Every structure is written in C-alpha cells, then in structure tokens.
Amino acid sequence: HALPHRAWTESARRLAERFWPGPLTLVLDDGTPTGLAVRVDGHPVLRKLLARAGGLMTSSSLNLTGEPPALKRDDARRAIERLAPGGLSIGWLDAGDLAPSAPSTLISLHAGRVDLVREGAVPASDIAAALDRPVGPVGDA
C-alpha cells in the first residue's frame, strides 16, 4: 500500500485484506485531528478504470453530510450543483444508476485504538472477528 507507513497499522492491513474491495472505510492516522479516510470500492466499472489507469482515485459518495448518497443520475447532477456552486468543475463517471445499499462501515484507527465510527454494510461483529478483539464506538475506553 502506498500510504504513509505510520498510518498503515497491522489492524488496517488485516481489515483491508479481509474486506477490500468492499464497503469498509478505514480512517487512518495521518497526523491531523480527523485522519485520512480510505476505501477500495468494489464497483466493477470503477475497478476496471483504476486498473487501466494504474493508480488511485479520490471520490465522495456524492452527498452532503447527513443526506443519502446520490444513486440516480438526476440525483447526482443535483448534488453536484449543490456541492459546486458558482461553476466549480467536478468530473464524474456515469456508470448508470446504483442499487440502494447500506453505507460503508467506518473504522477509526488512531493511537493504537480501533473504534467504530459508523456501522454500515460490514457488521461490527465481523470487524471484531477479523481482528480477534472487540470493537466499540468512538470514545469507549
């Protein structure tokens, strides 16, 4: 993985090997208060594009915080208009409408801790089983 060594912990490696590509987002310690969220998407069109490009891509679920992701073409256009007022250019790949799905599970990996930020498509029990340790919500001791 081409991520900073200090951010790529043994727990991150184990979770990535078990659940990627897929709906698990790892929030890695990058020296900032919020961290760096990374995920390897399993969408076949995106996987082919990245394989041909030979690299990484950054993206968003194309929604404002607290709102559902844009799954349909018209929803995506409206979200882009709201996210990029004033004509800011945003590129997007239209591979067709997406089926509704649970959001990705967010796991924070900071200061040797493994915390559940949001339970989504990957159950917390599966995360705990992959790491052989319990995983609690952020802030649990």
N, C-alpha and C. Protein backbone atom coordinates (compact mmCIF):
# COMPACT_ATOMS: atom_id res chain seq x y z
N HIS A 1 0.85 -1.19 0.00
CA HIS A 1 0.00 0.00 0.00
C HIS A 1 0.89 1.24 0.00
N ALA A 2 0.49 2.25 -0.74
CA ALA A 2 1.29 3.46 -0.90
C ALA A 2 0.91 4.52 0.12
N LEU A 3 0.40 4.13 1.24
CA LEU A 3 0.03 5.09 2.28
C LEU A 3 1.19 5.22 3.26
N PRO A 4 1.25 6.34 3.99
CA PRO A 4 2.35 6.52 4.94
C PRO A 4 2.45 5.34 5.91
N HIS A 5 3.68 4.88 6.14
CA HIS A 5 3.90 3.71 6.99
C HIS A 5 3.28 3.89 8.37
N ARG A 6 3.44 5.07 8.96
CA ARG A 6 2.94 5.25 10.32
C ARG A 6 1.42 5.14 10.39
N ALA A 7 0.72 5.38 9.28
CA ALA A 7 -0.74 5.30 9.27
C ALA A 7 -1.23 3.88 8.99
N TRP A 8 -0.40 3.07 8.33
CA TRP A 8 -0.84 1.74 7.91
C TRP A 8 -0.47 0.72 8.97
N THR A 9 -1.38 0.52 9.93
CA THR A 9 -1.13 -0.36 11.07
C THR A 9 -1.43 -1.82 10.71
N GLU A 10 -1.06 -2.70 11.60
CA GLU A 10 -1.37 -4.12 11.43
C GLU A 10 -2.89 -4.32 11.37
N SER A 11 -3.64 -3.61 12.19
CA SER A 11 -5.10 -3.73 12.15
C SER A 11 -5.65 -3.26 10.81
N ALA A 12 -5.11 -2.17 10.28
CA ALA A 12 -5.54 -1.67 8.97
C ALA A 12 -5.26 -2.72 7.90
N ARG A 13 -4.08 -3.31 7.94
CA ARG A 13 -3.71 -4.33 6.95
C ARG A 13 -4.67 -5.52 7.01
N ARG A 14 -4.96 -5.99 8.20
CA ARG A 14 -5.85 -7.15 8.35
C ARG A 14 -7.25 -6.84 7.84
N LEU A 15 -7.76 -5.66 8.17
CA LEU A 15 -9.10 -5.29 7.73
C LEU A 15 -9.16 -5.11 6.21
N ALA A 16 -8.14 -4.49 5.64
CA ALA A 16 -8.10 -4.29 4.19
C ALA A 16 -8.04 -5.64 3.46
N GLU A 17 -7.21 -6.56 3.95
CA GLU A 17 -7.12 -7.87 3.31
C GLU A 17 -8.43 -8.64 3.39
N ARG A 18 -9.15 -8.47 4.46
CA ARG A 18 -10.40 -9.22 4.66
C ARG A 18 -11.60 -8.60 3.93
N PHE A 19 -11.70 -7.26 3.88
CA PHE A 19 -12.93 -6.62 3.42
C PHE A 19 -12.81 -5.80 2.13
N TRP A 20 -11.61 -5.64 1.57
CA TRP A 20 -11.47 -4.86 0.34
C TRP A 20 -11.29 -5.76 -0.86
N PRO A 21 -11.80 -5.40 -2.03
CA PRO A 21 -12.68 -4.25 -2.22
C PRO A 21 -14.02 -4.49 -1.54
N GLY A 22 -14.60 -3.41 -1.05
CA GLY A 22 -15.88 -3.53 -0.38
C GLY A 22 -16.22 -2.33 0.46
N PRO A 23 -17.35 -2.42 1.17
CA PRO A 23 -17.92 -1.28 1.88
C PRO A 23 -17.35 -1.04 3.28
N LEU A 24 -16.03 -0.99 3.38
CA LEU A 24 -15.38 -0.67 4.65
C LEU A 24 -14.45 0.51 4.42
N THR A 25 -14.66 1.57 5.19
CA THR A 25 -13.80 2.76 5.13
C THR A 25 -12.94 2.77 6.38
N LEU A 26 -11.63 2.89 6.18
CA LEU A 26 -10.68 2.96 7.29
C LEU A 26 -10.23 4.40 7.45
N VAL A 27 -10.36 4.93 8.65
CA VAL A 27 -9.90 6.29 8.95
C VAL A 27 -8.53 6.15 9.61
N LEU A 28 -7.49 6.46 8.83
CA LEU A 28 -6.11 6.26 9.26
C LEU A 28 -5.56 7.52 9.91
N ASP A 29 -4.62 7.33 10.81
CA ASP A 29 -3.94 8.45 11.47
C ASP A 29 -2.93 9.04 10.49
N ASP A 30 -3.19 10.28 10.06
CA ASP A 30 -2.27 10.96 9.14
C ASP A 30 -1.64 12.19 9.79
N GLY A 31 -1.75 12.27 11.12
CA GLY A 31 -1.18 13.40 11.83
C GLY A 31 -2.13 14.57 11.98
N THR A 32 -3.33 14.47 11.42
CA THR A 32 -4.32 15.54 11.58
C THR A 32 -5.37 15.08 12.59
N PRO A 33 -6.17 16.00 13.12
CA PRO A 33 -7.19 15.60 14.09
C PRO A 33 -8.26 14.67 13.52
N THR A 34 -8.55 14.77 12.22
CA THR A 34 -9.63 13.97 11.64
C THR A 34 -9.17 12.69 10.98
N GLY A 35 -7.92 12.62 10.54
CA GLY A 35 -7.42 11.42 9.88
C GLY A 35 -7.71 11.42 8.39
N LEU A 36 -7.32 10.34 7.74
CA LEU A 36 -7.49 10.16 6.30
C LEU A 36 -8.37 8.95 6.08
N ALA A 37 -9.54 9.14 5.47
CA ALA A 37 -10.47 8.04 5.22
C ALA A 37 -10.16 7.41 3.86
N VAL A 38 -9.99 6.10 3.83
CA VAL A 38 -9.67 5.38 2.60
C VAL A 38 -10.57 4.15 2.46
N ARG A 39 -10.88 3.84 1.20
CA ARG A 39 -11.70 2.66 0.90
C ARG A 39 -11.38 2.20 -0.51
N VAL A 40 -11.46 0.91 -0.75
CA VAL A 40 -11.32 0.34 -2.08
C VAL A 40 -12.71 -0.11 -2.51
N ASP A 41 -13.27 0.60 -3.48
CA ASP A 41 -14.62 0.35 -3.96
C ASP A 41 -14.67 -0.92 -4.78
N GLY A 42 -15.78 -1.63 -4.70
CA GLY A 42 -15.92 -2.88 -5.44
C GLY A 42 -16.69 -2.75 -6.75
N HIS A 43 -17.13 -1.53 -7.14
CA HIS A 43 -17.92 -1.37 -8.37
C HIS A 43 -17.07 -1.81 -9.57
N PRO A 44 -17.57 -2.71 -10.41
CA PRO A 44 -16.76 -3.25 -11.50
C PRO A 44 -16.28 -2.21 -12.51
N VAL A 45 -17.07 -1.21 -12.82
CA VAL A 45 -16.64 -0.19 -13.78
C VAL A 45 -15.48 0.61 -13.18
N LEU A 46 -15.60 0.99 -11.93
CA LEU A 46 -14.53 1.73 -11.27
C LEU A 46 -13.27 0.89 -11.17
N ARG A 47 -13.41 -0.38 -10.84
CA ARG A 47 -12.25 -1.27 -10.72
C ARG A 47 -11.50 -1.37 -12.06
N LYS A 48 -12.24 -1.48 -13.17
CA LYS A 48 -11.61 -1.55 -14.50
C LYS A 48 -10.91 -0.24 -14.83
N LEU A 49 -11.56 0.88 -14.53
CA LEU A 49 -10.96 2.19 -14.80
C LEU A 49 -9.65 2.36 -14.03
N LEU A 50 -9.66 2.02 -12.76
CA LEU A 50 -8.45 2.15 -11.95
C LEU A 50 -7.35 1.20 -12.41
N ALA A 51 -7.73 -0.01 -12.80
CA ALA A 51 -6.73 -0.96 -13.29
C ALA A 51 -6.06 -0.43 -14.56
N ARG A 52 -6.83 0.16 -15.44
CA ARG A 52 -6.26 0.72 -16.67
C ARG A 52 -5.43 1.96 -16.40
N ALA A 53 -5.86 2.76 -15.44
CA ALA A 53 -5.13 3.99 -15.12
C ALA A 53 -3.88 3.71 -14.30
N GLY A 54 -3.86 2.55 -13.63
CA GLY A 54 -2.69 2.18 -12.84
C GLY A 54 -2.51 3.04 -11.60
N GLY A 55 -3.60 3.50 -11.00
CA GLY A 55 -3.43 4.37 -9.86
C GLY A 55 -4.61 4.39 -8.92
N LEU A 56 -4.65 5.45 -8.15
CA LEU A 56 -5.68 5.65 -7.15
C LEU A 56 -6.59 6.79 -7.58
N MET A 57 -7.76 6.86 -6.98
CA MET A 57 -8.68 7.95 -7.25
C MET A 57 -9.31 8.38 -5.94
N THR A 58 -9.56 9.64 -5.84
CA THR A 58 -10.30 10.14 -4.68
C THR A 58 -11.71 10.45 -5.13
N SER A 59 -12.65 10.22 -4.24
CA SER A 59 -14.04 10.47 -4.60
C SER A 59 -14.87 10.70 -3.35
N SER A 60 -16.11 10.92 -3.57
CA SER A 60 -17.07 11.12 -2.49
C SER A 60 -18.27 10.25 -2.79
N SER A 61 -19.10 10.02 -1.77
CA SER A 61 -20.35 9.32 -2.01
C SER A 61 -21.37 10.25 -2.63
N LEU A 62 -20.95 11.45 -2.94
CA LEU A 62 -21.77 12.46 -3.61
C LEU A 62 -23.04 12.78 -2.84
N ASN A 63 -22.84 13.22 -1.63
CA ASN A 63 -23.95 13.68 -0.81
C ASN A 63 -23.41 14.66 0.22
N LEU A 64 -24.28 15.51 0.69
CA LEU A 64 -23.93 16.38 1.80
C LEU A 64 -24.05 15.58 3.08
N THR A 65 -23.26 15.91 4.08
CA THR A 65 -23.27 15.18 5.34
C THR A 65 -24.69 15.05 5.87
N GLY A 66 -25.05 13.85 6.23
CA GLY A 66 -26.37 13.58 6.79
C GLY A 66 -27.42 13.26 5.75
N GLU A 67 -27.12 13.44 4.47
CA GLU A 67 -28.07 13.13 3.42
C GLU A 67 -27.68 11.81 2.75
N PRO A 68 -28.66 11.12 2.14
CA PRO A 68 -28.31 9.86 1.49
C PRO A 68 -27.46 10.11 0.24
N PRO A 69 -26.65 9.11 -0.16
CA PRO A 69 -25.84 9.26 -1.37
C PRO A 69 -26.72 9.31 -2.61
N ALA A 70 -26.21 9.96 -3.64
CA ALA A 70 -26.91 10.05 -4.92
C ALA A 70 -26.78 8.70 -5.64
N LEU A 71 -27.89 8.05 -5.90
CA LEU A 71 -27.87 6.75 -6.55
C LEU A 71 -28.30 6.82 -8.01
N LYS A 72 -29.05 7.85 -8.36
CA LYS A 72 -29.57 8.01 -9.71
C LYS A 72 -28.91 9.20 -10.38
N ARG A 73 -28.85 9.17 -11.70
CA ARG A 73 -28.18 10.20 -12.50
C ARG A 73 -28.68 11.61 -12.13
N ASP A 74 -29.99 11.80 -12.06
CA ASP A 74 -30.53 13.13 -11.75
C ASP A 74 -30.16 13.57 -10.33
N ASP A 75 -30.15 12.62 -9.39
CA ASP A 75 -29.73 12.94 -8.03
C ASP A 75 -28.27 13.38 -8.01
N ALA A 76 -27.44 12.71 -8.82
CA ALA A 76 -26.02 13.07 -8.89
C ALA A 76 -25.85 14.48 -9.45
N ARG A 77 -26.57 14.81 -10.49
CA ARG A 77 -26.48 16.16 -11.07
C ARG A 77 -26.88 17.22 -10.05
N ARG A 78 -27.98 16.97 -9.33
CA ARG A 78 -28.43 17.94 -8.31
C ARG A 78 -27.40 18.08 -7.19
N ALA A 79 -26.82 16.96 -6.77
CA ALA A 79 -25.81 17.01 -5.71
C ALA A 79 -24.58 17.78 -6.18
N ILE A 80 -24.16 17.57 -7.40
CA ILE A 80 -23.00 18.30 -7.93
C ILE A 80 -23.29 19.79 -7.96
N GLU A 81 -24.49 20.17 -8.38
CA GLU A 81 -24.86 21.59 -8.40
C GLU A 81 -24.81 22.18 -7.00
N ARG A 82 -25.23 21.42 -5.99
CA ARG A 82 -25.21 21.92 -4.61
C ARG A 82 -23.81 21.94 -4.03
N LEU A 83 -22.98 20.96 -4.41
CA LEU A 83 -21.62 20.87 -3.88
C LEU A 83 -20.65 21.82 -4.58
N ALA A 84 -20.98 22.22 -5.80
CA ALA A 84 -20.07 23.06 -6.59
C ALA A 84 -20.78 24.31 -7.08
N PRO A 85 -21.28 25.14 -6.17
CA PRO A 85 -21.95 26.36 -6.63
C PRO A 85 -20.96 27.29 -7.31
N GLY A 86 -21.45 28.08 -8.24
CA GLY A 86 -20.59 29.05 -8.91
C GLY A 86 -19.77 28.47 -10.04
N GLY A 87 -20.09 27.26 -10.47
CA GLY A 87 -19.44 26.72 -11.65
C GLY A 87 -18.14 25.99 -11.42
N LEU A 88 -17.79 25.64 -10.17
CA LEU A 88 -16.60 24.83 -9.92
C LEU A 88 -16.73 23.55 -10.72
N SER A 89 -15.67 23.15 -11.39
CA SER A 89 -15.71 21.97 -12.25
C SER A 89 -15.51 20.70 -11.43
N ILE A 90 -16.45 19.79 -11.55
CA ILE A 90 -16.35 18.48 -10.90
C ILE A 90 -16.55 17.44 -11.99
N GLY A 91 -15.60 16.53 -12.13
CA GLY A 91 -15.74 15.44 -13.08
C GLY A 91 -16.43 14.26 -12.43
N TRP A 92 -17.19 13.52 -13.23
CA TRP A 92 -17.84 12.35 -12.69
C TRP A 92 -18.01 11.31 -13.78
N LEU A 93 -17.98 10.06 -13.36
CA LEU A 93 -18.13 8.91 -14.24
C LEU A 93 -19.54 8.39 -14.07
N ASP A 94 -20.30 8.35 -15.15
CA ASP A 94 -21.67 7.86 -15.09
C ASP A 94 -21.70 6.42 -15.58
N ALA A 95 -21.79 5.50 -14.64
CA ALA A 95 -21.85 4.07 -14.97
C ALA A 95 -23.27 3.54 -14.77
N GLY A 96 -24.23 4.45 -14.76
CA GLY A 96 -25.62 4.05 -14.57
C GLY A 96 -26.07 4.19 -13.13
N ASP A 97 -27.36 4.02 -12.94
CA ASP A 97 -27.93 4.13 -11.60
C ASP A 97 -27.39 3.02 -10.71
N LEU A 98 -27.29 3.31 -9.43
CA LEU A 98 -26.83 2.34 -8.44
C LEU A 98 -28.02 1.79 -7.66
N ALA A 99 -27.90 0.55 -7.25
CA ALA A 99 -28.92 -0.05 -6.39
C ALA A 99 -28.75 0.50 -4.98
N PRO A 100 -29.85 0.66 -4.26
CA PRO A 100 -29.72 1.09 -2.86
C PRO A 100 -28.87 0.09 -2.08
N SER A 101 -28.05 0.60 -1.19
CA SER A 101 -27.21 -0.27 -0.37
C SER A 101 -26.90 0.43 0.94
N ALA A 102 -26.48 -0.35 1.90
CA ALA A 102 -26.07 0.22 3.19
C ALA A 102 -24.79 1.04 2.98
N PRO A 103 -24.60 2.10 3.76
CA PRO A 103 -23.34 2.86 3.65
C PRO A 103 -22.17 2.01 4.11
N SER A 104 -20.98 2.47 3.79
CA SER A 104 -19.80 1.74 4.25
C SER A 104 -19.67 1.86 5.77
N THR A 105 -19.08 0.86 6.36
CA THR A 105 -18.74 0.90 7.77
C THR A 105 -17.48 1.74 7.92
N LEU A 106 -17.45 2.65 8.89
CA LEU A 106 -16.27 3.48 9.15
C LEU A 106 -15.59 3.02 10.42
N ILE A 107 -14.30 2.71 10.29
CA ILE A 107 -13.49 2.29 11.42
C ILE A 107 -12.34 3.27 11.58
N SER A 108 -12.17 3.83 12.76
CA SER A 108 -11.08 4.75 13.05
C SER A 108 -9.92 3.97 13.66
N LEU A 109 -8.72 4.21 13.12
CA LEU A 109 -7.51 3.54 13.61
C LEU A 109 -6.52 4.62 14.03
N HIS A 110 -6.67 5.09 15.27
CA HIS A 110 -5.82 6.16 15.81
C HIS A 110 -5.23 5.73 17.14
N ALA A 111 -3.98 6.08 17.35
CA ALA A 111 -3.31 5.88 18.64
C ALA A 111 -3.45 4.45 19.17
N GLY A 112 -3.33 3.48 18.27
CA GLY A 112 -3.41 2.09 18.67
C GLY A 112 -4.81 1.59 18.95
N ARG A 113 -5.81 2.44 18.76
CA ARG A 113 -7.20 2.06 19.01
C ARG A 113 -7.89 1.67 17.71
N VAL A 114 -8.94 0.87 17.83
CA VAL A 114 -9.81 0.52 16.71
C VAL A 114 -11.22 0.85 17.17
N ASP A 115 -11.78 1.93 16.59
CA ASP A 115 -13.09 2.41 17.04
C ASP A 115 -14.10 2.38 15.90
N LEU A 116 -15.32 2.00 16.21
CA LEU A 116 -16.42 2.02 15.26
C LEU A 116 -16.97 3.45 15.19
N VAL A 117 -16.85 4.08 14.04
CA VAL A 117 -17.40 5.43 13.84
C VAL A 117 -18.84 5.32 13.35
N ARG A 118 -19.06 4.39 12.37
CA ARG A 118 -20.41 4.18 11.84
C ARG A 118 -20.52 2.72 11.41
N GLU A 119 -21.54 2.03 11.92
CA GLU A 119 -21.77 0.68 11.44
C GLU A 119 -22.60 0.77 10.18
N GLY A 120 -22.17 0.06 9.16
CA GLY A 120 -22.86 0.07 7.87
C GLY A 120 -22.96 -1.34 7.33
N ALA A 121 -22.53 -1.52 6.09
CA ALA A 121 -22.68 -2.79 5.39
C ALA A 121 -21.86 -3.92 6.02
N VAL A 122 -20.74 -3.59 6.64
CA VAL A 122 -19.93 -4.62 7.31
C VAL A 122 -20.26 -4.54 8.81
N PRO A 123 -20.85 -5.58 9.37
CA PRO A 123 -21.22 -5.54 10.79
C PRO A 123 -20.00 -5.42 11.70
N ALA A 124 -20.18 -4.73 12.82
CA ALA A 124 -19.10 -4.57 13.80
C ALA A 124 -18.61 -5.93 14.27
N SER A 125 -19.49 -6.92 14.34
CA SER A 125 -19.08 -8.26 14.78
C SER A 125 -18.09 -8.88 13.79
N ASP A 126 -18.23 -8.59 12.50
CA ASP A 126 -17.28 -9.10 11.50
C ASP A 126 -15.93 -8.41 11.65
N ILE A 127 -15.94 -7.12 11.98
CA ILE A 127 -14.69 -6.38 12.21
C ILE A 127 -13.98 -6.98 13.42
N ALA A 128 -14.73 -7.18 14.50
CA ALA A 128 -14.15 -7.75 15.72
C ALA A 128 -13.58 -9.14 15.46
N ALA A 129 -14.29 -9.95 14.68
CA ALA A 129 -13.81 -11.30 14.37
C ALA A 129 -12.52 -11.26 13.54
N ALA A 130 -12.44 -10.33 12.60
CA ALA A 130 -11.23 -10.22 11.76
C ALA A 130 -10.01 -9.79 12.57
N LEU A 131 -10.25 -9.04 13.64
CA LEU A 131 -9.15 -8.53 14.47
C LEU A 131 -8.94 -9.36 15.74
N ASP A 132 -9.83 -10.29 16.01
CA ASP A 132 -9.78 -11.07 17.25
C ASP A 132 -9.80 -10.18 18.48
N ARG A 133 -10.62 -9.11 18.43
CA ARG A 133 -10.77 -8.23 19.59
C ARG A 133 -12.07 -7.45 19.45
N PRO A 134 -12.65 -7.03 20.56
CA PRO A 134 -13.90 -6.26 20.48
C PRO A 134 -13.65 -4.88 19.88
N VAL A 135 -14.67 -4.37 19.22
CA VAL A 135 -14.62 -3.04 18.62
C VAL A 135 -15.82 -2.26 19.15
N GLY A 136 -15.54 -1.12 19.78
CA GLY A 136 -16.63 -0.33 20.33
C GLY A 136 -16.75 1.00 19.63
N PRO A 137 -17.77 1.75 19.96
CA PRO A 137 -17.93 3.08 19.37
C PRO A 137 -16.81 4.01 19.78
N VAL A 138 -16.58 5.04 18.97
CA VAL A 138 -15.55 6.03 19.28
C VAL A 138 -15.79 6.57 20.68
N GLY A 139 -14.73 6.65 21.46
CA GLY A 139 -14.84 7.21 22.81
C GLY A 139 -14.93 6.17 23.90
N ASP A 140 -15.25 4.91 23.56
CA ASP A 140 -15.29 3.86 24.59
C ASP A 140 -13.88 3.56 25.06
N ALA A 141 -13.74 3.32 26.33
CA ALA A 141 -12.41 3.01 26.90
C ALA A 141 -12.12 1.55 26.76
